[in-house]
Each structure stands twice: as C-alpha cells, then as structure tokens.
Amino acid sequence: ARVGHVTGLDRDPRAVAGARTVLSEMRVVQGCAADLRRLFPPGLYRAVAALDSVYHFPDKRRFLRDAHLLLAGAGEAGALALTDLALRPGGGAAWLRPLLASCGV
C-alpha cells in the first residue's frame, strides 16, 4: 500500500532546514517529542517511527503514550517502530532516502 504522507519532526531548526532541502516531498516540522499532542491530532498516522531518538527524550513514557494517540483511531492497526542507528562520522542522512523508498514512500 502506498503511504499517504510522511511527516518528519526535529527540534533543531538547522536539521529541519536541511531535511526540507533534501526531502522536499516530506513535511518537516520543528518541535520535540513533548510537542506531539500540540502538533498533531489524534489518529492522524498509521505508523510512527522514532529513528535514533527515543534515548534522548527525558520522558519516554510520555512519548510512547503520545505516539499511541497518533495511531489510535486511525481505522486500522497502527505500527510504532523504534530504532537506535549508529551512523558513521560525517555520514549525514543519506541512509534516509533508501529507507523511505523501501517503505514505498
């Protein structure tokens, strides 16, 4: 199935600007995990992925509750994917485009 839309979230304005340049087909929002309830309505997504980020969140339980709310009511089973990626120095986010392509995005 084709993905309807993909939204990226980052707290660093420089990272957001860079992502918007490289991933122009994606919506990228500046904010942090604590902002999920304010930024996105419940049930908006079928999947939530937190890539190399959850260990940074001061309140991991809150993130998990809020991520669940983003999935709840989506009309079908939702998925939450958590990863801890180790990138080589200077590797940037070149890995993200193939990852999105493999997911049909």
Protein backbone atom coordinates (compact mmCIF):
# COMPACT_ATOMS: atom_id res chain seq x y z
CA ALA A 1 0.00 0.00 0.00
CA ARG A 2 1.19 3.49 -0.81
CA VAL A 3 1.84 5.83 2.08
CA GLY A 4 -0.46 8.87 2.16
CA HIS A 5 2.01 11.28 3.72
CA VAL A 6 5.19 11.37 5.74
CA THR A 7 5.98 13.97 8.39
CA GLY A 8 9.38 14.49 9.98
CA LEU A 9 9.90 16.11 13.36
CA ASP A 10 13.13 17.59 14.71
CA ARG A 11 13.85 20.02 17.49
CA ASP A 12 16.91 21.60 15.77
CA PRO A 13 15.96 24.33 13.26
CA ARG A 14 19.12 23.62 11.24
CA ALA A 15 18.18 19.96 10.91
CA VAL A 16 14.66 20.93 9.85
CA ALA A 17 16.01 23.31 7.19
CA GLY A 18 18.40 20.65 5.91
CA ALA A 19 15.70 17.99 5.81
CA ARG A 20 13.36 20.30 3.93
CA THR A 21 16.07 20.81 1.32
CA VAL A 22 16.95 17.13 0.90
CA LEU A 23 13.49 15.63 1.41
CA SER A 24 11.28 18.16 -0.35
CA GLU A 25 8.41 15.66 -0.73
CA MET A 26 8.17 15.31 3.05
CA ARG A 27 6.54 17.67 5.52
CA VAL A 28 9.12 18.54 8.18
CA VAL A 29 8.05 20.21 11.42
CA GLN A 30 10.20 21.83 14.08
CA GLY A 31 9.35 20.61 17.56
CA CYS A 32 10.19 17.94 20.08
CA ALA A 33 8.65 14.72 21.33
CA ALA A 34 6.95 16.62 24.13
CA ASP A 35 5.05 18.61 21.46
CA LEU A 36 3.31 15.65 19.78
CA ARG A 37 -0.13 16.36 21.28
CA ARG A 38 0.10 20.03 20.33
CA LEU A 39 1.44 19.47 16.80
CA PHE A 40 -0.62 16.54 15.55
CA PRO A 41 -4.25 15.47 16.02
CA PRO A 42 -5.01 12.01 17.44
CA GLY A 43 -5.38 9.20 14.92
CA LEU A 44 -3.53 11.03 12.12
CA TYR A 45 -0.99 8.30 11.32
CA ARG A 46 -0.94 4.58 10.57
CA ALA A 47 2.71 4.37 11.61
CA VAL A 48 5.11 6.30 13.83
CA ALA A 49 8.87 5.79 13.59
CA ALA A 50 11.35 7.24 16.06
CA LEU A 51 14.77 6.88 14.46
CA ASP A 52 17.77 7.15 16.76
CA SER A 53 15.93 9.49 19.09
CA VAL A 54 13.97 7.95 21.97
CA TYR A 55 17.01 7.61 24.21
CA HIS A 56 17.27 11.43 24.10
CA PHE A 57 13.72 12.00 25.38
CA PRO A 58 13.55 12.90 29.08
CA ASP A 59 10.05 11.37 29.41
CA LYS A 60 9.99 8.19 27.34
CA ARG A 61 6.65 7.05 28.76
CA ARG A 62 5.03 10.31 27.66
CA PHE A 63 6.44 9.85 24.16
CA LEU A 64 5.05 6.31 23.96
CA ARG A 65 1.61 7.45 25.20
CA ASP A 66 1.55 10.36 22.74
CA ALA A 67 2.77 8.21 19.84
CA HIS A 68 -0.03 5.75 20.65
CA LEU A 69 -2.54 8.62 20.48
CA LEU A 70 -1.28 9.48 17.00
CA LEU A 71 -2.11 5.90 15.98
CA ALA A 72 -5.32 5.43 17.93
CA GLY A 73 -8.45 5.74 15.85
CA ALA A 74 -6.59 5.51 12.56
CA GLY A 75 -9.18 2.95 11.42
CA GLU A 76 -6.71 0.11 11.13
CA ALA A 77 -3.83 -1.41 13.04
CA GLY A 78 -1.02 1.05 13.63
CA ALA A 79 2.70 0.44 13.95
CA LEU A 80 5.32 2.03 16.17
CA ALA A 81 8.95 1.49 15.12
CA LEU A 82 11.84 2.47 17.37
CA THR A 83 15.47 2.28 16.26
CA ASP A 84 18.88 3.22 17.53
CA LEU A 85 21.02 3.85 14.47
CA ALA A 86 24.80 4.20 14.58
CA LEU A 87 25.88 6.37 11.66
CA ARG A 88 29.45 6.70 10.53
CA PRO A 89 31.01 10.13 11.22
CA GLY A 90 30.07 12.61 8.50
CA GLY A 91 27.56 10.15 7.06
CA GLY A 92 24.65 12.57 7.32
CA ALA A 93 21.16 11.38 6.50
CA ALA A 94 21.97 9.73 3.15
CA TRP A 95 20.52 6.49 4.57
CA LEU A 96 17.05 8.03 4.93
CA ARG A 97 16.04 8.19 1.24
CA PRO A 98 16.65 4.43 0.64
CA LEU A 99 14.82 3.65 3.89
CA LEU A 100 11.79 5.68 2.79
CA ALA A 101 11.91 4.10 -0.68
CA SER A 102 11.92 0.62 0.84
CA CYS A 103 8.74 1.59 2.70
CA GLY A 104 7.05 2.68 -0.52
CA VAL A 105 7.42 6.40 0.17
